Amino acid sequence: MVSDPFQHLGLGTELLRLLTQIGRQAKLARITAYILPENADMQDIAKRVGYKLEKEAEGSLIATIDL
């Protein structure tokens, strides 16, 4: 989570890229994240980094990337 004063500076994108890189180095098979449906910024970041978004029945979103 990036605090409001530091949003829109690329920090969230860089954090997600680093997390994904660490997952690959650790030889994880997949990373899964839950995103609130109203969090459009995080949805965009996840898509840019290569995550696929799927809607759950109750409306939340699941972002996944196969490593």
PDB file of N, CA and C in Angstrom:
ATOM      1  N   MET A   1       0.840  -1.169   0.000  1.00  0.00           N
ATOM      2  CA  MET A   1       0.000   0.000   0.000  1.00  0.00           C
ATOM      3  C   MET A   1       0.888   1.236   0.000  1.00  0.00           C
ATOM      4  N   VAL A   2       0.565   2.154  -0.869  1.00  0.00           N
ATOM      5  CA  VAL A   2       1.311   3.399  -0.961  1.00  0.00           C
ATOM      6  C   VAL A   2       0.447   4.503  -0.366  1.00  0.00           C
ATOM      7  N   SER A   3       0.992   5.212   0.575  1.00  0.00           N
ATOM      8  CA  SER A   3       0.291   6.301   1.263  1.00  0.00           C
ATOM      9  C   SER A   3      -0.114   7.401   0.272  1.00  0.00           C
ATOM     10  N   ASP A   4      -1.240   8.046   0.528  1.00  0.00           N
ATOM     11  CA  ASP A   4      -1.792   9.053  -0.383  1.00  0.00           C
ATOM     12  C   ASP A   4      -0.786  10.092  -0.878  1.00  0.00           C
ATOM     13  N   PRO A   5       0.044  10.687  -0.010  1.00  0.00           N
ATOM     14  CA  PRO A   5       0.958  11.720  -0.519  1.00  0.00           C
ATOM     15  C   PRO A   5       1.989  11.197  -1.522  1.00  0.00           C
ATOM     16  N   PHE A   6       2.179   9.886  -1.578  1.00  0.00           N
ATOM     17  CA  PHE A   6       3.198   9.305  -2.447  1.00  0.00           C
ATOM     18  C   PHE A   6       2.616   8.557  -3.641  1.00  0.00           C
ATOM     19  N   GLN A   7       1.298   8.678  -3.844  1.00  0.00           N
ATOM     20  CA  GLN A   7       0.677   8.018  -4.980  1.00  0.00           C
ATOM     21  C   GLN A   7       0.954   8.789  -6.265  1.00  0.00           C
ATOM     22  N   HIS A   8       0.865   8.100  -7.381  1.00  0.00           N
ATOM     23  CA  HIS A   8       1.054   8.658  -8.727  1.00  0.00           C
ATOM     24  C   HIS A   8       2.494   9.104  -8.966  1.00  0.00           C
ATOM     25  N   LEU A   9       3.439   8.461  -8.280  1.00  0.00           N
ATOM     26  CA  LEU A   9       4.862   8.728  -8.478  1.00  0.00           C
ATOM     27  C   LEU A   9       5.590   7.504  -9.032  1.00  0.00           C
ATOM     28  N   GLY A  10       4.839   6.432  -9.288  1.00  0.00           N
ATOM     29  CA  GLY A  10       5.432   5.214  -9.821  1.00  0.00           C
ATOM     30  C   GLY A  10       5.884   4.230  -8.750  1.00  0.00           C
ATOM     31  N   LEU A  11       5.639   4.549  -7.490  1.00  0.00           N
ATOM     32  CA  LEU A  11       6.090   3.669  -6.411  1.00  0.00           C
ATOM     33  C   LEU A  11       5.335   2.344  -6.401  1.00  0.00           C
ATOM     34  N   GLY A  12       4.035   2.395  -6.580  1.00  0.00           N
ATOM     35  CA  GLY A  12       3.238   1.168  -6.582  1.00  0.00           C
ATOM     36  C   GLY A  12       3.646   0.245  -7.714  1.00  0.00           C
ATOM     37  N   THR A  13       3.892   0.822  -8.887  1.00  0.00           N
ATOM     38  CA  THR A  13       4.329   0.023 -10.031  1.00  0.00           C
ATOM     39  C   THR A  13       5.667  -0.628  -9.743  1.00  0.00           C
ATOM     40  N   GLU A  14       6.603   0.148  -9.208  1.00  0.00           N
ATOM     41  CA  GLU A  14       7.924  -0.397  -8.908  1.00  0.00           C
ATOM     42  C   GLU A  14       7.854  -1.468  -7.821  1.00  0.00           C
ATOM     43  N   LEU A  15       7.032  -1.261  -6.806  1.00  0.00           N
ATOM     44  CA  LEU A  15       6.878  -2.267  -5.747  1.00  0.00           C
ATOM     45  C   LEU A  15       6.317  -3.574  -6.311  1.00  0.00           C
ATOM     46  N   LEU A  16       5.319  -3.478  -7.172  1.00  0.00           N
ATOM     47  CA  LEU A  16       4.732  -4.691  -7.748  1.00  0.00           C
ATOM     48  C   LEU A  16       5.728  -5.392  -8.672  1.00  0.00           C
ATOM     49  N   ARG A  17       6.486  -4.622  -9.443  1.00  0.00           N
ATOM     50  CA  ARG A  17       7.518  -5.234 -10.295  1.00  0.00           C
ATOM     51  C   ARG A  17       8.567  -5.956  -9.457  1.00  0.00           C
ATOM     52  N   LEU A  18       9.009  -5.319  -8.366  1.00  0.00           N
ATOM     53  CA  LEU A  18       9.993  -5.950  -7.486  1.00  0.00           C
ATOM     54  C   LEU A  18       9.441  -7.207  -6.837  1.00  0.00           C
ATOM     55  N   LEU A  19       8.199  -7.148  -6.374  1.00  0.00           N
ATOM     56  CA  LEU A  19       7.562  -8.319  -5.774  1.00  0.00           C
ATOM     57  C   LEU A  19       7.508  -9.463  -6.777  1.00  0.00           C
ATOM     58  N   THR A  20       7.170  -9.153  -8.015  1.00  0.00           N
ATOM     59  CA  THR A  20       7.095 -10.164  -9.062  1.00  0.00           C
ATOM     60  C   THR A  20       8.481 -10.743  -9.347  1.00  0.00           C
ATOM     61  N   GLN A  21       9.490  -9.891  -9.392  1.00  0.00           N
ATOM     62  CA  GLN A  21      10.869 -10.349  -9.610  1.00  0.00           C
ATOM     63  C   GLN A  21      11.332 -11.255  -8.468  1.00  0.00           C
ATOM     64  N   ILE A  22      11.027 -10.880  -7.246  1.00  0.00           N
ATOM     65  CA  ILE A  22      11.388 -11.706  -6.088  1.00  0.00           C
ATOM     66  C   ILE A  22      10.680 -13.053  -6.161  1.00  0.00           C
ATOM     67  N   GLY A  23       9.415 -13.047  -6.564  1.00  0.00           N
ATOM     68  CA  GLY A  23       8.671 -14.298  -6.728  1.00  0.00           C
ATOM     69  C   GLY A  23       9.321 -15.214  -7.750  1.00  0.00           C
ATOM     70  N   ARG A  24       9.787 -14.640  -8.840  1.00  0.00           N
ATOM     71  CA  ARG A  24      10.475 -15.445  -9.866  1.00  0.00           C
ATOM     72  C   ARG A  24      11.780 -16.017  -9.310  1.00  0.00           C
ATOM     73  N   GLN A  25      12.546 -15.186  -8.607  1.00  0.00           N
ATOM     74  CA  GLN A  25      13.811 -15.641  -8.034  1.00  0.00           C
ATOM     75  C   GLN A  25      13.592 -16.741  -7.002  1.00  0.00           C
ATOM     76  N   ALA A  26      12.467 -16.658  -6.287  1.00  0.00           N
ATOM     77  CA  ALA A  26      12.133 -17.674  -5.281  1.00  0.00           C
ATOM     78  C   ALA A  26      11.485 -18.901  -5.912  1.00  0.00           C
ATOM     79  N   LYS A  27      11.345 -18.874  -7.242  1.00  0.00           N
ATOM     80  CA  LYS A  27      10.771 -19.981  -7.998  1.00  0.00           C
ATOM     81  C   LYS A  27       9.319 -20.292  -7.608  1.00  0.00           C
ATOM     82  N   LEU A  28       8.566 -19.224  -7.298  1.00  0.00           N
ATOM     83  CA  LEU A  28       7.135 -19.389  -7.052  1.00  0.00           C
ATOM     84  C   LEU A  28       6.447 -19.698  -8.378  1.00  0.00           C
ATOM     85  N   ALA A  29       5.359 -20.413  -8.313  1.00  0.00           N
ATOM     86  CA  ALA A  29       4.602 -20.746  -9.524  1.00  0.00           C
ATOM     87  C   ALA A  29       3.672 -19.602  -9.931  1.00  0.00           C
ATOM     88  N   ARG A  30       3.130 -18.888  -8.944  1.00  0.00           N
ATOM     89  CA  ARG A  30       2.112 -17.871  -9.230  1.00  0.00           C
ATOM     90  C   ARG A  30       2.041 -16.881  -8.063  1.00  0.00           C
ATOM     91  N   ILE A  31       1.674 -15.656  -8.393  1.00  0.00           N
ATOM     92  CA  ILE A  31       1.352 -14.649  -7.377  1.00  0.00           C
ATOM     93  C   ILE A  31      -0.106 -14.268  -7.591  1.00  0.00           C
ATOM     94  N   THR A  32      -0.847 -14.204  -6.507  1.00  0.00           N
ATOM     95  CA  THR A  32      -2.263 -13.831  -6.548  1.00  0.00           C
ATOM     96  C   THR A  32      -2.489 -12.664  -5.596  1.00  0.00           C
ATOM     97  N   ALA A  33      -3.245 -11.676  -6.063  1.00  0.00           N
ATOM     98  CA  ALA A  33      -3.569 -10.515  -5.229  1.00  0.00           C
ATOM     99  C   ALA A  33      -5.057 -10.220  -5.350  1.00  0.00           C
ATOM    100  N   TYR A  34      -5.623  -9.724  -4.282  1.00  0.00           N
ATOM    101  CA  TYR A  34      -7.024  -9.298  -4.277  1.00  0.00           C
ATOM    102  C   TYR A  34      -7.056  -7.780  -4.322  1.00  0.00           C
ATOM    103  N   ILE A  35      -7.838  -7.239  -5.264  1.00  0.00           N
ATOM    104  CA  ILE A  35      -7.927  -5.795  -5.455  1.00  0.00           C
ATOM    105  C   ILE A  35      -9.380  -5.373  -5.299  1.00  0.00           C
ATOM    106  N   LEU A  36      -9.596  -4.314  -4.546  1.00  0.00           N
ATOM    107  CA  LEU A  36     -10.957  -3.794  -4.405  1.00  0.00           C
ATOM    108  C   LEU A  36     -11.453  -3.277  -5.754  1.00  0.00           C
ATOM    109  N   PRO A  37     -12.720  -3.497  -6.076  1.00  0.00           N
ATOM    110  CA  PRO A  37     -13.227  -3.085  -7.386  1.00  0.00           C
ATOM    111  C   PRO A  37     -13.132  -1.579  -7.623  1.00  0.00           C
ATOM    112  N   GLU A  38     -13.142  -0.784  -6.562  1.00  0.00           N
ATOM    113  CA  GLU A  38     -13.067   0.672  -6.727  1.00  0.00           C
ATOM    114  C   GLU A  38     -11.624   1.179  -6.860  1.00  0.00           C
ATOM    115  N   ASN A  39     -10.647   0.294  -6.714  1.00  0.00           N
ATOM    116  CA  ASN A  39      -9.243   0.695  -6.792  1.00  0.00           C
ATOM    117  C   ASN A  39      -8.737   0.578  -8.238  1.00  0.00           C
ATOM    118  N   ALA A  40      -9.215   1.497  -9.075  1.00  0.00           N
ATOM    119  CA  ALA A  40      -8.875   1.476 -10.502  1.00  0.00           C
ATOM    120  C   ALA A  40      -7.380   1.666 -10.738  1.00  0.00           C
ATOM    121  N   ASP A  41      -6.735   2.487  -9.913  1.00  0.00           N
ATOM    122  CA  ASP A  41      -5.295   2.709 -10.087  1.00  0.00           C
ATOM    123  C   ASP A  41      -4.518   1.399  -9.946  1.00  0.00           C
ATOM    124  N   MET A  42      -4.839   0.613  -8.919  1.00  0.00           N
ATOM    125  CA  MET A  42      -4.129  -0.648  -8.698  1.00  0.00           C
ATOM    126  C   MET A  42      -4.445  -1.647  -9.799  1.00  0.00           C
ATOM    127  N   GLN A  43      -5.657  -1.623 -10.295  1.00  0.00           N
ATOM    128  CA  GLN A  43      -6.021  -2.501 -11.409  1.00  0.00           C
ATOM    129  C   GLN A  43      -5.159  -2.181 -12.627  1.00  0.00           C
ATOM    130  N   ASP A  44      -4.982  -0.893 -12.920  1.00  0.00           N
ATOM    131  CA  ASP A  44      -4.156  -0.482 -14.057  1.00  0.00           C
ATOM    132  C   ASP A  44      -2.706  -0.897 -13.865  1.00  0.00           C
ATOM    133  N   ILE A  45      -2.182  -0.712 -12.652  1.00  0.00           N
ATOM    134  CA  ILE A  45      -0.797  -1.092 -12.358  1.00  0.00           C
ATOM    135  C   ILE A  45      -0.614  -2.589 -12.572  1.00  0.00           C
ATOM    136  N   ALA A  46      -1.529  -3.377 -12.029  1.00  0.00           N
ATOM    137  CA  ALA A  46      -1.422  -4.834 -12.155  1.00  0.00           C
ATOM    138  C   ALA A  46      -1.424  -5.253 -13.621  1.00  0.00           C
ATOM    139  N   LYS A  47      -2.286  -4.655 -14.435  1.00  0.00           N
ATOM    140  CA  LYS A  47      -2.335  -4.979 -15.865  1.00  0.00           C
ATOM    141  C   LYS A  47      -1.020  -4.614 -16.549  1.00  0.00           C
ATOM    142  N   ARG A  48      -0.469  -3.439 -16.230  1.00  0.00           N
ATOM    143  CA  ARG A  48       0.785  -2.996 -16.846  1.00  0.00           C
ATOM    144  C   ARG A  48       1.943  -3.925 -16.514  1.00  0.00           C
ATOM    145  N   VAL A  49       1.938  -4.478 -15.305  1.00  0.00           N
ATOM    146  CA  VAL A  49       3.023  -5.361 -14.884  1.00  0.00           C
ATOM    147  C   VAL A  49       2.833  -6.768 -15.456  1.00  0.00           C
ATOM    148  N   GLY A  50       1.643  -7.082 -15.964  1.00  0.00           N
ATOM    149  CA  GLY A  50       1.422  -8.373 -16.604  1.00  0.00           C
ATOM    150  C   GLY A  50       0.453  -9.291 -15.888  1.00  0.00           C
ATOM    151  N   TYR A  51      -0.221  -8.798 -14.858  1.00  0.00           N
ATOM    152  CA  TYR A  51      -1.194  -9.600 -14.128  1.00  0.00           C
ATOM    153  C   TYR A  51      -2.497  -9.673 -14.915  1.00  0.00           C
ATOM    154  N   LYS A  52      -3.193 -10.790 -14.801  1.00  0.00           N
ATOM    155  CA  LYS A  52      -4.521 -10.952 -15.396  1.00  0.00           C
ATOM    156  C   LYS A  52      -5.549 -10.705 -14.306  1.00  0.00           C
ATOM    157  N   LEU A  53      -6.593  -9.965 -14.637  1.00  0.00           N
ATOM    158  CA  LEU A  53      -7.644  -9.655 -13.670  1.00  0.00           C
ATOM    159  C   LEU A  53      -8.883 -10.483 -13.948  1.00  0.00           C
ATOM    160  N   GLU A  54      -9.461 -11.018 -12.871  1.00  0.00           N
ATOM    161  CA  GLU A  54     -10.721 -11.765 -12.961  1.00  0.00           C
ATOM    162  C   GLU A  54     -11.635 -11.285 -11.851  1.00  0.00           C
ATOM    163  N   LYS A  55     -12.924 -11.168 -12.164  1.00  0.00           N
ATOM    164  CA  LYS A  55     -13.905 -10.764 -11.156  1.00  0.00           C
ATOM    165  C   LYS A  55     -14.381 -11.971 -10.380  1.00  0.00           C
ATOM    166  N   GLU A  56     -14.499 -11.793  -9.058  1.00  0.00           N
ATOM    167  CA  GLU A  56     -15.096 -12.826  -8.214  1.00  0.00           C
ATOM    168  C   GLU A  56     -16.594 -12.581  -8.142  1.00  0.00           C
ATOM    169  N   ALA A  57     -17.330 -13.571  -7.689  1.00  0.00           N
ATOM    170  CA  ALA A  57     -18.790 -13.479  -7.612  1.00  0.00           C
ATOM    171  C   ALA A  57     -19.246 -12.295  -6.760  1.00  0.00           C
ATOM    172  N   GLU A  58     -18.538 -12.015  -5.646  1.00  0.00           N
ATOM    173  CA  GLU A  58     -18.963 -10.936  -4.763  1.00  0.00           C
ATOM    174  C   GLU A  58     -18.473  -9.559  -5.220  1.00  0.00           C
ATOM    175  N   GLY A  59     -17.789  -9.496  -6.386  1.00  0.00           N
ATOM    176  CA  GLY A  59     -17.412  -8.213  -6.952  1.00  0.00           C
ATOM    177  C   GLY A  59     -15.958  -7.825  -6.808  1.00  0.00           C
ATOM    178  N   SER A  60     -15.225  -8.473  -5.923  1.00  0.00           N
ATOM    179  CA  SER A  60     -13.807  -8.132  -5.813  1.00  0.00           C
ATOM    180  C   SER A  60     -13.054  -8.718  -7.002  1.00  0.00           C
ATOM    181  N   LEU A  61     -11.833  -8.273  -7.187  1.00  0.00           N
ATOM    182  CA  LEU A  61     -11.029  -8.694  -8.326  1.00  0.00           C
ATOM    183  C   LEU A  61      -9.828  -9.506  -7.835  1.00  0.00           C
ATOM    184  N   ILE A  62      -9.472 -10.496  -8.627  1.00  0.00           N
ATOM    185  CA  ILE A  62      -8.277 -11.272  -8.340  1.00  0.00           C
ATOM    186  C   ILE A  62      -7.292 -11.011  -9.467  1.00  0.00           C
ATOM    187  N   ALA A  63      -6.093 -10.598  -9.103  1.00  0.00           N
ATOM    188  CA  ALA A  63      -5.017 -10.393 -10.069  1.00  0.00           C
ATOM    189  C   ALA A  63      -4.030 -11.534  -9.919  1.00  0.00           C
ATOM    190  N   THR A  64      -3.697 -12.201 -11.018  1.00  0.00           N
ATOM    191  CA  THR A  64      -2.752 -13.308 -10.950  1.00  0.00           C
ATOM    192  C   THR A  64      -1.716 -13.179 -12.051  1.00  0.00           C
ATOM    193  N   ILE A  65      -0.529 -13.688 -11.740  1.00  0.00           N
ATOM    194  CA  ILE A  65       0.519 -13.793 -12.744  1.00  0.00           C
ATOM    195  C   ILE A  65       1.221 -15.120 -12.537  1.00  0.00           C
ATOM    196  N   ASP A  66       1.329 -15.873 -13.607  1.00  0.00           N
ATOM    197  CA  ASP A  66       2.082 -17.129 -13.563  1.00  0.00           C
ATOM    198  C   ASP A  66       3.551 -16.802 -13.771  1.00  0.00           C
ATOM    199  N   LEU A  67       4.365 -17.339 -12.896  1.00  0.00           N
ATOM    200  CA  LEU A  67       5.787 -17.060 -12.980  1.00  0.00           C
ATOM    201  C   LEU A  67       6.490 -18.230 -13.612  1.00  0.00           C
TER     202      LEU A  67
END
